[in-house]
Amino acid sequence: MAREIYITEATYIKDLTLNIVFNDGTAQEINFRYFLQRYPHPQYNKYGNPDKFKDFQLAEGNIVWGKNWDLIFPIEQLYQGKI
């Protein structure tokens, strides 16, 4: 049976980079700048601003931005260090 992977901790490092820790102890340092620049969208362009980007929260084992989850990434991709 496959174990469910979820995020237990996320720490802002610098710029648009987070250190993400998963429930199995795996950690990934991910820079979100490339994604935000390559895939602009009116709903989440504001998160290219480091002050807005830092305002994330953990919800249901994932990282989300905005009170309506404006920006969220698949756990599997984050776990692999890719977005």
Protein backbone atom coordinates (compact mmCIF):
# COMPACT_ATOMS: atom_id res chain seq x y z
CA MET A 1 0.00 0.00 0.00
CA ALA A 2 1.40 3.40 -1.00
CA ARG A 3 1.94 5.90 1.76
CA GLU A 4 0.21 9.25 1.43
CA ILE A 5 2.74 12.06 1.07
CA TYR A 6 1.94 15.48 2.47
CA ILE A 7 3.78 18.60 3.53
CA THR A 8 4.52 19.04 7.22
CA GLU A 9 6.61 22.22 7.07
CA ALA A 10 7.50 24.99 4.64
CA THR A 11 10.00 27.76 5.25
CA TYR A 12 10.64 30.84 3.17
CA ILE A 13 14.33 30.97 2.23
CA LYS A 14 14.75 33.98 -0.08
CA ASP A 15 13.48 35.45 -3.31
CA LEU A 16 10.70 33.03 -4.37
CA THR A 17 12.25 29.93 -2.81
CA LEU A 18 10.84 27.65 -0.13
CA ASN A 19 12.28 24.72 1.77
CA ILE A 20 9.51 22.11 1.91
CA VAL A 21 9.54 19.12 4.29
CA PHE A 22 7.31 16.10 3.75
CA ASN A 23 5.91 13.61 6.24
CA ASP A 24 8.51 10.98 5.28
CA GLY A 25 11.39 13.38 6.12
CA THR A 26 12.20 14.24 2.51
CA ALA A 27 13.01 17.94 1.99
CA GLN A 28 13.08 19.94 -1.22
CA GLU A 29 14.28 23.48 -1.84
CA ILE A 30 12.12 24.85 -4.66
CA ASN A 31 12.37 28.16 -6.49
CA PHE A 32 8.94 29.15 -7.80
CA ARG A 33 10.20 32.10 -9.90
CA TYR A 34 10.49 30.13 -13.13
CA PHE A 35 6.90 28.90 -12.90
CA LEU A 36 5.48 32.33 -12.06
CA GLN A 37 7.37 33.99 -14.91
CA ARG A 38 6.72 31.30 -17.49
CA TYR A 39 3.01 30.83 -16.78
CA PRO A 40 1.55 34.27 -16.04
CA HIS A 41 -2.07 34.31 -14.94
CA PRO A 42 -4.15 37.18 -13.51
CA GLN A 43 -5.16 35.07 -10.50
CA TYR A 44 -1.62 34.49 -9.24
CA ASN A 45 0.69 37.04 -10.89
CA LYS A 46 0.74 38.95 -7.58
CA TYR A 47 2.70 36.08 -5.98
CA GLY A 48 5.72 37.04 -8.07
CA ASN A 49 6.14 39.79 -5.47
CA PRO A 50 8.25 38.31 -2.64
CA ASP A 51 6.15 40.04 0.03
CA LYS A 52 2.97 38.41 -1.33
CA PHE A 53 4.76 35.12 -1.99
CA LYS A 54 5.81 34.85 1.67
CA ASP A 55 2.14 34.93 2.68
CA PHE A 56 1.51 31.20 2.17
CA GLN A 57 -0.05 28.69 4.50
CA LEU A 58 -0.21 24.94 4.93
CA ALA A 59 -3.69 23.54 4.43
CA GLU A 60 -4.67 19.89 4.14
CA GLY A 61 -1.03 18.87 3.71
CA ASN A 62 -0.28 21.29 0.89
CA ILE A 63 1.05 24.81 0.43
CA VAL A 64 -1.53 27.34 -0.67
CA TRP A 65 -1.56 31.05 -1.37
CA GLY A 66 -4.62 33.24 -0.98
CA LYS A 67 -7.70 32.67 1.13
CA ASN A 68 -9.39 30.95 -1.82
CA TRP A 69 -6.31 28.88 -2.67
CA ASP A 70 -5.39 31.12 -5.61
CA LEU A 71 -2.16 29.20 -6.11
CA ILE A 72 -1.49 25.55 -5.28
CA PHE A 73 0.82 22.87 -6.71
CA PRO A 74 0.48 19.08 -6.96
CA ILE A 75 2.17 17.41 -3.99
CA GLU A 76 3.80 14.83 -6.27
CA GLN A 77 5.60 17.55 -8.24
CA LEU A 78 6.75 19.35 -5.12
CA TYR A 79 7.97 16.06 -3.66
CA GLN A 80 10.08 15.50 -6.78
CA GLY A 81 11.39 19.08 -6.59
CA LYS A 82 9.69 20.07 -9.85
CA ILE A 83 6.95 22.49 -10.69
